[in-house]
Amino acid sequence: MQRKGGVGQFQNTSVGGDPVYVIGDLSTVWLVAYVREDRRVEIHIGQQMNFTLLSHPGEIYRGNIQYVSTTLDASSRRLDDPNNRSQRGRRAEAGMYANVTIFTDEGDSWPAIPRDAVIYEGDVARVWVAHDDKTLERRAITPD
């Protein structure tokens, strides 16, 4: 993400010295939505949300709220609400702007499955579902 040295430049190797490179993993990015203070009580983990990227108008992405901040940004009086991880191949990149719609009515959330829980068998995606009676069921899904 950042190179702080050049060819032939002296590098300080002491403890606490400035790093030569800053490396970041951008394979997953988070959508951060700023929610007005007076709408805070309507926002809950698990709620469905849609967003469009300004760079790709017309393409709607869907997700669920995974985190709601407990503090307000002092200058904007908004909640800092990072949500909806997006894989790099899905056009979302760090620093992009988006328009976000959060559905606040009851019953509008989608079930969320950790990405690592999905098992791909050819063109079919499957997950294992654990039931209360301690039985397991293999279920085909359509990942978004």
N, C-alpha and C. Protein backbone atom coordinates (compact mmCIF):
# COMPACT_ATOMS: atom_id res chain seq x y z
N MET A 1 0.81 -1.19 0.00
CA MET A 1 0.00 0.00 0.00
C MET A 1 0.86 1.25 0.00
N GLN A 2 2.05 1.12 0.57
CA GLN A 2 2.91 2.30 0.64
C GLN A 2 4.37 1.88 0.65
N ARG A 3 5.18 2.55 -0.16
CA ARG A 3 6.62 2.31 -0.17
C ARG A 3 7.29 3.56 0.39
N LYS A 4 8.07 3.36 1.45
CA LYS A 4 8.70 4.50 2.12
C LYS A 4 10.21 4.55 1.88
N GLY A 5 10.68 3.77 0.94
CA GLY A 5 12.11 3.76 0.66
C GLY A 5 12.35 3.68 -0.83
N GLY A 6 13.54 4.03 -1.23
CA GLY A 6 13.90 3.98 -2.64
C GLY A 6 15.26 3.32 -2.82
N VAL A 7 15.63 3.11 -4.06
CA VAL A 7 16.90 2.48 -4.39
C VAL A 7 18.04 3.32 -3.86
N GLY A 8 18.96 2.70 -3.12
CA GLY A 8 20.12 3.38 -2.58
C GLY A 8 19.87 4.19 -1.33
N GLN A 9 18.65 4.21 -0.84
CA GLN A 9 18.33 4.99 0.35
C GLN A 9 18.71 4.21 1.60
N PHE A 10 19.27 4.88 2.62
CA PHE A 10 19.63 4.27 3.88
C PHE A 10 18.36 3.93 4.66
N GLN A 11 18.31 2.70 5.23
CA GLN A 11 17.15 2.26 6.01
C GLN A 11 17.55 2.07 7.46
N ASN A 12 16.76 2.59 8.38
CA ASN A 12 16.99 2.44 9.81
C ASN A 12 16.39 1.11 10.25
N THR A 13 17.21 0.22 10.79
CA THR A 13 16.73 -1.09 11.21
C THR A 13 16.52 -1.20 12.71
N SER A 14 16.57 -0.08 13.42
CA SER A 14 16.39 -0.12 14.87
C SER A 14 14.94 -0.43 15.22
N VAL A 15 14.75 -0.89 16.45
CA VAL A 15 13.40 -1.18 16.93
C VAL A 15 12.59 0.11 16.93
N GLY A 16 11.39 0.04 16.39
CA GLY A 16 10.54 1.21 16.33
C GLY A 16 10.83 2.10 15.14
N GLY A 17 11.73 1.68 14.28
CA GLY A 17 12.04 2.47 13.09
C GLY A 17 10.87 2.45 12.11
N ASP A 18 10.87 3.39 11.20
CA ASP A 18 9.81 3.50 10.21
C ASP A 18 9.88 2.32 9.24
N PRO A 19 8.77 1.64 8.96
CA PRO A 19 8.81 0.49 8.04
C PRO A 19 9.12 0.94 6.61
N VAL A 20 9.78 0.06 5.86
CA VAL A 20 10.12 0.36 4.47
C VAL A 20 8.88 0.23 3.59
N TYR A 21 8.07 -0.79 3.84
CA TYR A 21 6.83 -1.02 3.09
C TYR A 21 5.68 -1.18 4.06
N VAL A 22 4.52 -0.71 3.67
CA VAL A 22 3.28 -0.98 4.39
C VAL A 22 2.44 -1.84 3.46
N ILE A 23 2.14 -3.06 3.91
CA ILE A 23 1.43 -4.03 3.08
C ILE A 23 0.03 -4.21 3.66
N GLY A 24 -0.97 -4.22 2.81
CA GLY A 24 -2.35 -4.41 3.23
C GLY A 24 -3.03 -5.45 2.37
N ASP A 25 -4.02 -6.14 2.94
CA ASP A 25 -4.79 -7.15 2.21
C ASP A 25 -6.11 -6.53 1.79
N LEU A 26 -6.27 -6.23 0.51
CA LEU A 26 -7.49 -5.62 0.01
C LEU A 26 -8.38 -6.63 -0.70
N SER A 27 -8.18 -7.93 -0.41
CA SER A 27 -9.03 -8.94 -1.03
C SER A 27 -10.45 -8.86 -0.48
N THR A 28 -10.62 -8.27 0.70
CA THR A 28 -11.94 -8.04 1.28
C THR A 28 -12.01 -6.59 1.71
N VAL A 29 -13.07 -5.90 1.29
CA VAL A 29 -13.28 -4.53 1.72
C VAL A 29 -14.62 -4.45 2.43
N TRP A 30 -14.79 -3.46 3.29
CA TRP A 30 -16.02 -3.28 4.06
C TRP A 30 -16.74 -2.03 3.59
N LEU A 31 -18.06 -2.10 3.54
CA LEU A 31 -18.87 -0.93 3.28
C LEU A 31 -19.09 -0.23 4.62
N VAL A 32 -18.81 1.05 4.68
CA VAL A 32 -19.03 1.82 5.90
C VAL A 32 -20.16 2.81 5.60
N ALA A 33 -21.27 2.66 6.32
CA ALA A 33 -22.43 3.54 6.13
C ALA A 33 -22.55 4.45 7.35
N TYR A 34 -22.72 5.73 7.12
CA TYR A 34 -22.89 6.68 8.21
C TYR A 34 -24.39 6.91 8.40
N VAL A 35 -24.89 6.56 9.57
CA VAL A 35 -26.32 6.62 9.87
C VAL A 35 -26.58 7.80 10.80
N ARG A 36 -27.61 8.59 10.49
CA ARG A 36 -27.93 9.75 11.32
C ARG A 36 -28.27 9.32 12.75
N GLU A 37 -27.94 10.18 13.68
CA GLU A 37 -28.14 9.91 15.10
C GLU A 37 -29.60 9.58 15.43
N ASP A 38 -30.55 10.29 14.85
CA ASP A 38 -31.96 10.06 15.16
C ASP A 38 -32.51 8.77 14.56
N ARG A 39 -31.76 8.11 13.67
CA ARG A 39 -32.20 6.84 13.06
C ARG A 39 -31.52 5.64 13.72
N ARG A 40 -30.66 5.89 14.69
CA ARG A 40 -29.87 4.83 15.34
C ARG A 40 -30.74 3.71 15.90
N VAL A 41 -31.86 4.04 16.52
CA VAL A 41 -32.70 3.02 17.15
C VAL A 41 -33.31 2.05 16.14
N GLU A 42 -33.33 2.41 14.86
CA GLU A 42 -33.90 1.56 13.82
C GLU A 42 -32.90 0.57 13.23
N ILE A 43 -31.62 0.71 13.55
CA ILE A 43 -30.57 -0.09 12.93
C ILE A 43 -30.17 -1.23 13.86
N HIS A 44 -30.18 -2.46 13.33
CA HIS A 44 -29.86 -3.65 14.12
C HIS A 44 -29.01 -4.62 13.29
N ILE A 45 -28.21 -5.38 13.97
CA ILE A 45 -27.43 -6.43 13.31
C ILE A 45 -28.39 -7.42 12.65
N GLY A 46 -28.07 -7.82 11.43
CA GLY A 46 -28.89 -8.78 10.70
C GLY A 46 -29.84 -8.17 9.70
N GLN A 47 -30.09 -6.85 9.80
CA GLN A 47 -31.01 -6.22 8.86
C GLN A 47 -30.46 -6.26 7.44
N GLN A 48 -31.39 -6.39 6.50
CA GLN A 48 -31.02 -6.40 5.08
C GLN A 48 -30.66 -5.00 4.64
N MET A 49 -29.69 -4.93 3.74
CA MET A 49 -29.32 -3.66 3.15
C MET A 49 -28.95 -3.88 1.70
N ASN A 50 -29.23 -2.91 0.87
CA ASN A 50 -28.82 -2.91 -0.53
C ASN A 50 -27.92 -1.70 -0.73
N PHE A 51 -26.98 -1.81 -1.66
CA PHE A 51 -26.18 -0.65 -1.99
C PHE A 51 -25.78 -0.68 -3.45
N THR A 52 -25.57 0.50 -3.99
CA THR A 52 -25.06 0.64 -5.35
C THR A 52 -23.77 1.44 -5.27
N LEU A 53 -22.83 1.09 -6.12
CA LEU A 53 -21.57 1.82 -6.19
C LEU A 53 -21.72 2.95 -7.20
N LEU A 54 -21.21 4.12 -6.86
CA LEU A 54 -21.31 5.24 -7.79
C LEU A 54 -20.58 4.95 -9.09
N SER A 55 -19.54 4.10 -9.02
CA SER A 55 -18.78 3.77 -10.23
C SER A 55 -19.49 2.75 -11.11
N HIS A 56 -20.52 2.07 -10.58
CA HIS A 56 -21.27 1.06 -11.34
C HIS A 56 -22.77 1.24 -11.08
N PRO A 57 -23.36 2.34 -11.53
CA PRO A 57 -24.77 2.58 -11.26
C PRO A 57 -25.63 1.49 -11.91
N GLY A 58 -26.71 1.15 -11.25
CA GLY A 58 -27.61 0.12 -11.78
C GLY A 58 -27.33 -1.27 -11.26
N GLU A 59 -26.12 -1.53 -10.75
CA GLU A 59 -25.80 -2.83 -10.17
C GLU A 59 -26.12 -2.78 -8.68
N ILE A 60 -27.04 -3.62 -8.23
CA ILE A 60 -27.45 -3.62 -6.83
C ILE A 60 -26.75 -4.76 -6.11
N TYR A 61 -26.11 -4.45 -4.99
CA TYR A 61 -25.46 -5.43 -4.14
C TYR A 61 -26.29 -5.57 -2.88
N ARG A 62 -26.36 -6.79 -2.34
CA ARG A 62 -27.18 -7.06 -1.16
C ARG A 62 -26.32 -7.60 -0.03
N GLY A 63 -26.74 -7.33 1.18
CA GLY A 63 -26.02 -7.85 2.33
C GLY A 63 -26.83 -7.64 3.59
N ASN A 64 -26.24 -7.98 4.69
CA ASN A 64 -26.85 -7.78 6.00
C ASN A 64 -25.90 -7.01 6.89
N ILE A 65 -26.45 -6.24 7.80
CA ILE A 65 -25.64 -5.48 8.74
C ILE A 65 -24.95 -6.46 9.67
N GLN A 66 -23.65 -6.33 9.80
CA GLN A 66 -22.86 -7.23 10.63
C GLN A 66 -22.32 -6.55 11.88
N TYR A 67 -22.35 -5.23 11.91
CA TYR A 67 -21.80 -4.49 13.06
C TYR A 67 -22.47 -3.13 13.13
N VAL A 68 -22.80 -2.69 14.33
CA VAL A 68 -23.32 -1.34 14.54
C VAL A 68 -22.45 -0.69 15.61
N SER A 69 -21.88 0.45 15.30
CA SER A 69 -20.99 1.15 16.22
C SER A 69 -21.75 1.58 17.48
N THR A 70 -21.02 1.67 18.56
CA THR A 70 -21.63 2.11 19.82
C THR A 70 -21.37 3.58 20.09
N THR A 71 -20.61 4.24 19.22
CA THR A 71 -20.30 5.66 19.42
C THR A 71 -20.61 6.46 18.17
N LEU A 72 -20.84 7.74 18.36
CA LEU A 72 -21.09 8.66 17.25
C LEU A 72 -19.81 9.37 16.87
N ASP A 73 -19.68 9.69 15.59
CA ASP A 73 -18.59 10.55 15.13
C ASP A 73 -18.93 11.96 15.61
N ALA A 74 -18.06 12.57 16.37
CA ALA A 74 -18.33 13.87 17.00
C ALA A 74 -18.59 14.98 15.98
N SER A 75 -17.90 14.95 14.85
CA SER A 75 -18.06 16.04 13.89
C SER A 75 -19.30 15.89 13.02
N SER A 76 -19.66 14.67 12.65
CA SER A 76 -20.80 14.48 11.75
C SER A 76 -22.07 14.08 12.48
N ARG A 77 -21.96 13.68 13.76
CA ARG A 77 -23.09 13.19 14.55
C ARG A 77 -23.73 11.97 13.88
N ARG A 78 -22.90 11.12 13.30
CA ARG A 78 -23.35 9.91 12.62
C ARG A 78 -22.67 8.70 13.24
N LEU A 79 -23.34 7.54 13.13
CA LEU A 79 -22.73 6.27 13.53
C LEU A 79 -21.82 5.80 12.43
N ASP A 80 -20.65 5.36 12.78
CA ASP A 80 -19.72 4.76 11.84
C ASP A 80 -20.07 3.28 11.78
N ASP A 81 -20.64 2.82 10.68
CA ASP A 81 -21.26 1.50 10.60
C ASP A 81 -20.63 0.66 9.49
N PRO A 82 -19.49 -0.03 9.75
CA PRO A 82 -18.87 -0.83 8.70
C PRO A 82 -19.63 -2.13 8.49
N ASN A 83 -19.98 -2.43 7.28
CA ASN A 83 -20.79 -3.60 6.98
C ASN A 83 -20.48 -4.17 5.62
N ASN A 84 -21.06 -5.32 5.40
CA ASN A 84 -21.11 -5.96 4.11
C ASN A 84 -19.76 -6.09 3.42
N ARG A 85 -19.00 -7.07 3.84
CA ARG A 85 -17.74 -7.34 3.18
C ARG A 85 -17.99 -7.67 1.72
N SER A 86 -17.11 -7.28 0.87
CA SER A 86 -17.24 -7.54 -0.54
C SER A 86 -15.91 -8.06 -1.07
N GLN A 87 -15.98 -9.13 -1.83
CA GLN A 87 -14.75 -9.67 -2.40
C GLN A 87 -14.27 -8.79 -3.52
N ARG A 88 -12.98 -8.76 -3.72
CA ARG A 88 -12.34 -7.90 -4.70
C ARG A 88 -12.93 -8.09 -6.10
N GLY A 89 -13.26 -9.29 -6.50
CA GLY A 89 -13.79 -9.55 -7.83
C GLY A 89 -15.17 -9.00 -8.06
N ARG A 90 -15.81 -8.47 -7.04
CA ARG A 90 -17.17 -7.99 -7.16
C ARG A 90 -17.24 -6.49 -7.39
N ARG A 91 -16.15 -5.87 -7.83
CA ARG A 91 -16.07 -4.47 -8.23
C ARG A 91 -15.97 -3.47 -7.09
N ALA A 92 -16.17 -3.87 -5.84
CA ALA A 92 -16.04 -2.93 -4.73
C ALA A 92 -14.57 -2.81 -4.36
N GLU A 93 -14.08 -1.60 -4.31
CA GLU A 93 -12.68 -1.34 -3.97
C GLU A 93 -12.62 -0.35 -2.83
N ALA A 94 -11.54 -0.36 -2.09
CA ALA A 94 -11.35 0.56 -0.98
C ALA A 94 -11.42 2.00 -1.48
N GLY A 95 -12.12 2.84 -0.75
CA GLY A 95 -12.21 4.26 -1.08
C GLY A 95 -13.36 4.63 -2.00
N MET A 96 -14.14 3.66 -2.49
CA MET A 96 -15.27 3.97 -3.37
C MET A 96 -16.44 4.53 -2.56
N TYR A 97 -17.31 5.27 -3.24
CA TYR A 97 -18.53 5.78 -2.63
C TYR A 97 -19.71 4.93 -3.07
N ALA A 98 -20.71 4.82 -2.16
CA ALA A 98 -21.89 4.01 -2.45
C ALA A 98 -23.13 4.69 -1.89
N ASN A 99 -24.27 4.35 -2.47
CA ASN A 99 -25.57 4.74 -1.92
C ASN A 99 -26.14 3.51 -1.23
N VAL A 100 -26.57 3.67 0.03
CA VAL A 100 -26.99 2.54 0.85
C VAL A 100 -28.45 2.69 1.24
N THR A 101 -29.19 1.57 1.15
CA THR A 101 -30.56 1.50 1.65
C THR A 101 -30.60 0.42 2.71
N ILE A 102 -31.00 0.78 3.93
CA ILE A 102 -31.13 -0.19 5.02
C ILE A 102 -32.62 -0.39 5.26
N PHE A 103 -33.07 -1.65 5.18
CA PHE A 103 -34.49 -1.97 5.37
C PHE A 103 -34.75 -2.15 6.86
N THR A 104 -35.62 -1.30 7.41
CA THR A 104 -35.82 -1.29 8.85
C THR A 104 -37.10 -1.98 9.30
N ASP A 105 -37.91 -2.53 8.38
CA ASP A 105 -39.12 -3.24 8.77
C ASP A 105 -38.77 -4.62 9.32
N GLU A 106 -39.67 -5.19 10.12
CA GLU A 106 -39.45 -6.53 10.68
C GLU A 106 -39.45 -7.56 9.57
N GLY A 107 -38.69 -8.62 9.76
CA GLY A 107 -38.70 -9.77 8.85
C GLY A 107 -37.99 -9.55 7.54
N ASP A 108 -37.14 -8.55 7.45
CA ASP A 108 -36.49 -8.27 6.17
C ASP A 108 -35.04 -8.73 6.10
N SER A 109 -34.56 -9.44 7.10
CA SER A 109 -33.16 -9.85 7.07
C SER A 109 -33.00 -11.18 6.35
N TRP A 110 -31.82 -11.38 5.78
CA TRP A 110 -31.50 -12.61 5.09
C TRP A 110 -30.58 -13.43 5.97
N PRO A 111 -30.65 -14.74 5.87
CA PRO A 111 -29.70 -15.54 6.64
C PRO A 111 -28.29 -15.32 6.10
N ALA A 112 -27.34 -15.25 6.98
CA ALA A 112 -25.95 -15.04 6.59
C ALA A 112 -25.17 -16.31 6.88
N ILE A 113 -24.32 -16.69 5.96
CA ILE A 113 -23.49 -17.88 6.10
C ILE A 113 -22.04 -17.45 5.96
N PRO A 114 -21.17 -17.85 6.88
CA PRO A 114 -19.76 -17.50 6.72
C PRO A 114 -19.22 -18.05 5.41
N ARG A 115 -18.41 -17.27 4.72
CA ARG A 115 -17.86 -17.67 3.43
C ARG A 115 -17.13 -19.00 3.51
N ASP A 116 -16.44 -19.25 4.64
CA ASP A 116 -15.68 -20.49 4.79
C ASP A 116 -16.57 -21.71 4.98
N ALA A 117 -17.87 -21.52 5.26
CA ALA A 117 -18.77 -22.65 5.48
C ALA A 117 -19.34 -23.19 4.17
N VAL A 118 -19.19 -22.47 3.07
CA VAL A 118 -19.73 -22.90 1.79
C VAL A 118 -18.78 -23.91 1.14
N ILE A 119 -19.36 -25.04 0.72
CA ILE A 119 -18.59 -26.10 0.06
C ILE A 119 -19.02 -26.12 -1.40
N TYR A 120 -18.06 -25.95 -2.29
CA TYR A 120 -18.34 -25.95 -3.72
C TYR A 120 -18.04 -27.32 -4.28
N GLU A 121 -19.04 -27.88 -4.98
CA GLU A 121 -18.90 -29.15 -5.68
C GLU A 121 -19.26 -28.90 -7.14
N GLY A 122 -18.26 -28.65 -7.96
CA GLY A 122 -18.52 -28.26 -9.34
C GLY A 122 -19.20 -26.90 -9.37
N ASP A 123 -20.38 -26.83 -9.97
CA ASP A 123 -21.13 -25.58 -10.06
C ASP A 123 -22.15 -25.42 -8.93
N VAL A 124 -22.19 -26.37 -8.00
CA VAL A 124 -23.18 -26.35 -6.92
C VAL A 124 -22.50 -25.92 -5.61
N ALA A 125 -23.14 -24.99 -4.90
CA ALA A 125 -22.66 -24.56 -3.59
C ALA A 125 -23.55 -25.20 -2.53
N ARG A 126 -22.94 -25.77 -1.50
CA ARG A 126 -23.69 -26.45 -0.45
C ARG A 126 -23.18 -26.01 0.92
N VAL A 127 -24.06 -26.17 1.92
CA VAL A 127 -23.69 -25.96 3.32
C VAL A 127 -24.29 -27.09 4.14
N TRP A 128 -23.73 -27.30 5.32
CA TRP A 128 -24.30 -28.25 6.29
C TRP A 128 -25.10 -27.44 7.29
N VAL A 129 -26.33 -27.88 7.55
CA VAL A 129 -27.22 -27.20 8.50
C VAL A 129 -27.38 -28.10 9.72
N ALA A 130 -27.10 -27.57 10.91
CA ALA A 130 -27.27 -28.31 12.16
C ALA A 130 -28.65 -28.00 12.73
N HIS A 131 -29.42 -29.04 13.04
CA HIS A 131 -30.76 -28.87 13.60
C HIS A 131 -30.72 -29.04 15.11
N ASP A 132 -31.79 -28.59 15.78
CA ASP A 132 -31.88 -28.67 17.23
C ASP A 132 -31.82 -30.11 17.75
N ASP A 133 -32.30 -31.09 16.93
CA ASP A 133 -32.29 -32.49 17.37
C ASP A 133 -30.94 -33.17 17.12
N LYS A 134 -29.92 -32.35 16.85
CA LYS A 134 -28.53 -32.79 16.66
C LYS A 134 -28.31 -33.57 15.36
N THR A 135 -29.19 -33.41 14.39
CA THR A 135 -28.99 -34.01 13.08
C THR A 135 -28.41 -32.96 12.14
N LEU A 136 -27.77 -33.41 11.07
CA LEU A 136 -27.18 -32.54 10.07
C LEU A 136 -27.88 -32.73 8.74
N GLU A 137 -28.01 -31.66 7.98
CA GLU A 137 -28.61 -31.71 6.67
C GLU A 137 -27.70 -30.99 5.68
N ARG A 138 -27.42 -31.62 4.55
CA ARG A 138 -26.66 -30.97 3.48
C ARG A 138 -27.66 -30.25 2.59
N ARG A 139 -27.43 -28.92 2.41
CA ARG A 139 -28.40 -28.12 1.67
C ARG A 139 -27.70 -27.33 0.57
N ALA A 140 -28.27 -27.37 -0.64
CA ALA A 140 -27.75 -26.57 -1.75
C ALA A 140 -28.19 -25.13 -1.56
N ILE A 141 -27.30 -24.17 -1.86
CA ILE A 141 -27.62 -22.75 -1.73
C ILE A 141 -27.22 -22.02 -3.00
N THR A 142 -27.71 -20.80 -3.13
CA THR A 142 -27.31 -19.92 -4.21
C THR A 142 -26.62 -18.72 -3.58
N PRO A 143 -25.28 -18.68 -3.58
CA PRO A 143 -24.58 -17.56 -2.94
C PRO A 143 -24.76 -16.28 -3.75
N ASP A 144 -24.87 -15.16 -3.03
CA ASP A 144 -24.95 -13.83 -3.68
C ASP A 144 -23.62 -13.18 -3.67
